[in-house]
């Protein structure tokens, strides 16, 4: 119930088609807002979102989270590669003699 209170019976959705379908479906009937800020109200109103050059704030936050996860994946791969190099150093010293 806390999520319902937090969202105030609004569903954040990625695309307009899904937002429109859910908002005007009698079985759902929740107010739906896209990441671009388009607001679909089952009461009959539709308001447009922000069309800034940088995109919506929610879309940017979502993208930043994805990039942070990708960065962490690359960091882990780098740590693994460094560990492999460190393991090969003694053999490289033997061949250098």
C-alpha atoms as a PDB file:
ATOM      1  CA  UNK A   1       0.000   0.000   0.000  1.00  0.00           C
ATOM      2  CA  UNK A   2       2.942   2.341   0.538  1.00  0.00           C
ATOM      3  CA  UNK A   3       3.725   2.231  -3.180  1.00  0.00           C
ATOM      4  CA  UNK A   4       0.134   3.192  -3.963  1.00  0.00           C
ATOM      5  CA  UNK A   5       0.380   6.098  -1.548  1.00  0.00           C
ATOM      6  CA  UNK A   6       3.745   7.122  -2.970  1.00  0.00           C
ATOM      7  CA  UNK A   7       2.528   7.034  -6.568  1.00  0.00           C
ATOM      8  CA  UNK A   8      -0.876   8.486  -5.634  1.00  0.00           C
ATOM      9  CA  UNK A   9      -2.524   5.928  -7.897  1.00  0.00           C
ATOM     10  CA  UNK A  10      -0.348   6.912 -10.852  1.00  0.00           C
ATOM     11  CA  UNK A  11       1.522   4.369 -12.912  1.00  0.00           C
ATOM     12  CA  UNK A  12       4.868   5.465 -14.369  1.00  0.00           C
ATOM     13  CA  UNK A  13       5.246   3.833 -17.793  1.00  0.00           C
ATOM     14  CA  UNK A  14       7.786   3.964 -20.602  1.00  0.00           C
ATOM     15  CA  UNK A  15       5.527   4.481 -23.598  1.00  0.00           C
ATOM     16  CA  UNK A  16       2.348   6.315 -24.563  1.00  0.00           C
ATOM     17  CA  UNK A  17       0.547   3.276 -25.997  1.00  0.00           C
ATOM     18  CA  UNK A  18       0.727   1.331 -22.739  1.00  0.00           C
ATOM     19  CA  UNK A  19      -0.122   4.397 -20.657  1.00  0.00           C
ATOM     20  CA  UNK A  20      -3.197   5.135 -22.755  1.00  0.00           C
ATOM     21  CA  UNK A  21      -4.349   1.512 -22.760  1.00  0.00           C
ATOM     22  CA  UNK A  22      -4.111   1.156 -18.969  1.00  0.00           C
ATOM     23  CA  UNK A  23      -5.496   4.579 -18.091  1.00  0.00           C
ATOM     24  CA  UNK A  24      -8.657   4.128 -20.132  1.00  0.00           C
ATOM     25  CA  UNK A  25      -9.172   0.416 -19.368  1.00  0.00           C
ATOM     26  CA  UNK A  26     -12.169   0.212 -17.004  1.00  0.00           C
ATOM     27  CA  UNK A  27     -10.567  -2.672 -15.112  1.00  0.00           C
ATOM     28  CA  UNK A  28      -7.478  -0.561 -14.315  1.00  0.00           C
ATOM     29  CA  UNK A  29      -8.533   3.077 -14.509  1.00  0.00           C
ATOM     30  CA  UNK A  30      -5.364   4.510 -12.987  1.00  0.00           C
ATOM     31  CA  UNK A  31      -3.753   7.749 -14.006  1.00  0.00           C
ATOM     32  CA  UNK A  32      -0.674   6.886 -16.085  1.00  0.00           C
ATOM     33  CA  UNK A  33       2.371   9.047 -16.733  1.00  0.00           C
ATOM     34  CA  UNK A  34       5.070   8.280 -19.306  1.00  0.00           C
ATOM     35  CA  UNK A  35       8.770   8.890 -18.749  1.00  0.00           C
ATOM     36  CA  UNK A  36       8.430  11.822 -21.162  1.00  0.00           C
ATOM     37  CA  UNK A  37       5.801  13.345 -18.879  1.00  0.00           C
ATOM     38  CA  UNK A  38       2.656  12.590 -20.896  1.00  0.00           C
ATOM     39  CA  UNK A  39      -0.190  12.312 -18.385  1.00  0.00           C
ATOM     40  CA  UNK A  40      -3.149  10.031 -19.202  1.00  0.00           C
ATOM     41  CA  UNK A  41      -6.057  10.592 -16.817  1.00  0.00           C
ATOM     42  CA  UNK A  42      -9.008   8.176 -16.895  1.00  0.00           C
ATOM     43  CA  UNK A  43     -11.176  11.206 -16.134  1.00  0.00           C
ATOM     44  CA  UNK A  44     -10.664  12.191 -19.747  1.00  0.00           C
ATOM     45  CA  UNK A  45      -7.765  14.641 -19.757  1.00  0.00           C
ATOM     46  CA  UNK A  46      -4.460  14.181 -21.498  1.00  0.00           C
ATOM     47  CA  UNK A  47      -1.588  16.554 -20.954  1.00  0.00           C
ATOM     48  CA  UNK A  48       1.624  16.575 -22.903  1.00  0.00           C
ATOM     49  CA  UNK A  49       5.015  16.061 -21.420  1.00  0.00           C
ATOM     50  CA  UNK A  50       8.178  18.013 -21.656  1.00  0.00           C
ATOM     51  CA  UNK A  51       9.969  17.876 -24.986  1.00  0.00           C
ATOM     52  CA  UNK A  52      13.303  19.251 -23.863  1.00  0.00           C
ATOM     53  CA  UNK A  53      16.346  18.440 -25.938  1.00  0.00           C
ATOM     54  CA  UNK A  54      17.783  16.369 -23.084  1.00  0.00           C
ATOM     55  CA  UNK A  55      14.680  14.226 -22.604  1.00  0.00           C
ATOM     56  CA  UNK A  56      12.707  13.711 -19.448  1.00  0.00           C
ATOM     57  CA  UNK A  57      14.283  13.563 -16.030  1.00  0.00           C
ATOM     58  CA  UNK A  58      12.955  10.045 -15.358  1.00  0.00           C
ATOM     59  CA  UNK A  59      14.294   8.797 -18.673  1.00  0.00           C
ATOM     60  CA  UNK A  60      17.715  10.270 -17.892  1.00  0.00           C
ATOM     61  CA  UNK A  61      17.736   8.709 -14.407  1.00  0.00           C
ATOM     62  CA  UNK A  62      16.821   5.340 -15.938  1.00  0.00           C
ATOM     63  CA  UNK A  63      19.614   5.721 -18.492  1.00  0.00           C
ATOM     64  CA  UNK A  64      22.135   6.710 -15.789  1.00  0.00           C
ATOM     65  CA  UNK A  65      21.227   3.639 -13.755  1.00  0.00           C
ATOM     66  CA  UNK A  66      21.742   1.437 -16.799  1.00  0.00           C
ATOM     67  CA  UNK A  67      25.090   3.094 -17.500  1.00  0.00           C
ATOM     68  CA  UNK A  68      26.156   2.679 -13.864  1.00  0.00           C
ATOM     69  CA  UNK A  69      25.363  -1.042 -14.034  1.00  0.00           C
ATOM     70  CA  UNK A  70      27.301  -1.336 -17.298  1.00  0.00           C
ATOM     71  CA  UNK A  71      30.242   0.546 -15.782  1.00  0.00           C
ATOM     72  CA  UNK A  72      30.267  -1.834 -12.804  1.00  0.00           C
ATOM     73  CA  UNK A  73      30.268  -4.802 -15.176  1.00  0.00           C
ATOM     74  CA  UNK A  74      33.275  -3.354 -17.017  1.00  0.00           C
ATOM     75  CA  UNK A  75      35.049  -2.695 -13.699  1.00  0.00           C
ATOM     76  CA  UNK A  76      34.583  -6.334 -12.696  1.00  0.00           C
ATOM     77  CA  UNK A  77      35.936  -7.482 -16.072  1.00  0.00           C
ATOM     78  CA  UNK A  78      38.958  -5.200 -15.646  1.00  0.00           C
ATOM     79  CA  UNK A  79      39.635  -6.582 -12.163  1.00  0.00           C
ATOM     80  CA  UNK A  80      39.498 -10.103 -13.595  1.00  0.00           C
ATOM     81  CA  UNK A  81      41.919  -9.209 -16.395  1.00  0.00           C
ATOM     82  CA  UNK A  82      44.319  -7.603 -13.909  1.00  0.00           C
ATOM     83  CA  UNK A  83      44.206 -10.728 -11.739  1.00  0.00           C
ATOM     84  CA  UNK A  84      45.052 -12.880 -14.765  1.00  0.00           C
ATOM     85  CA  UNK A  85      47.974 -10.609 -15.656  1.00  0.00           C
ATOM     86  CA  UNK A  86      49.254 -10.735 -12.082  1.00  0.00           C
ATOM     87  CA  UNK A  87      49.081 -14.538 -12.181  1.00  0.00           C
ATOM     88  CA  UNK A  88      51.170 -14.571 -15.385  1.00  0.00           C
ATOM     89  CA  UNK A  89      53.925 -12.265 -14.078  1.00  0.00           C
ATOM     90  CA  UNK A  90      56.034 -15.034 -12.453  1.00  0.00           C
ATOM     91  CA  UNK A  91      56.055 -17.046 -15.696  1.00  0.00           C
ATOM     92  CA  UNK A  92      56.964 -13.918 -17.671  1.00  0.00           C
ATOM     93  CA  UNK A  93      59.918 -13.275 -15.314  1.00  0.00           C
ATOM     94  CA  UNK A  94      61.119 -16.856 -15.798  1.00  0.00           C
ATOM     95  CA  UNK A  95      61.067 -16.491 -19.602  1.00  0.00           C
ATOM     96  CA  UNK A  96      62.802 -13.102 -19.426  1.00  0.00           C
ATOM     97  CA  UNK A  97      65.888 -14.627 -17.727  1.00  0.00           C
END
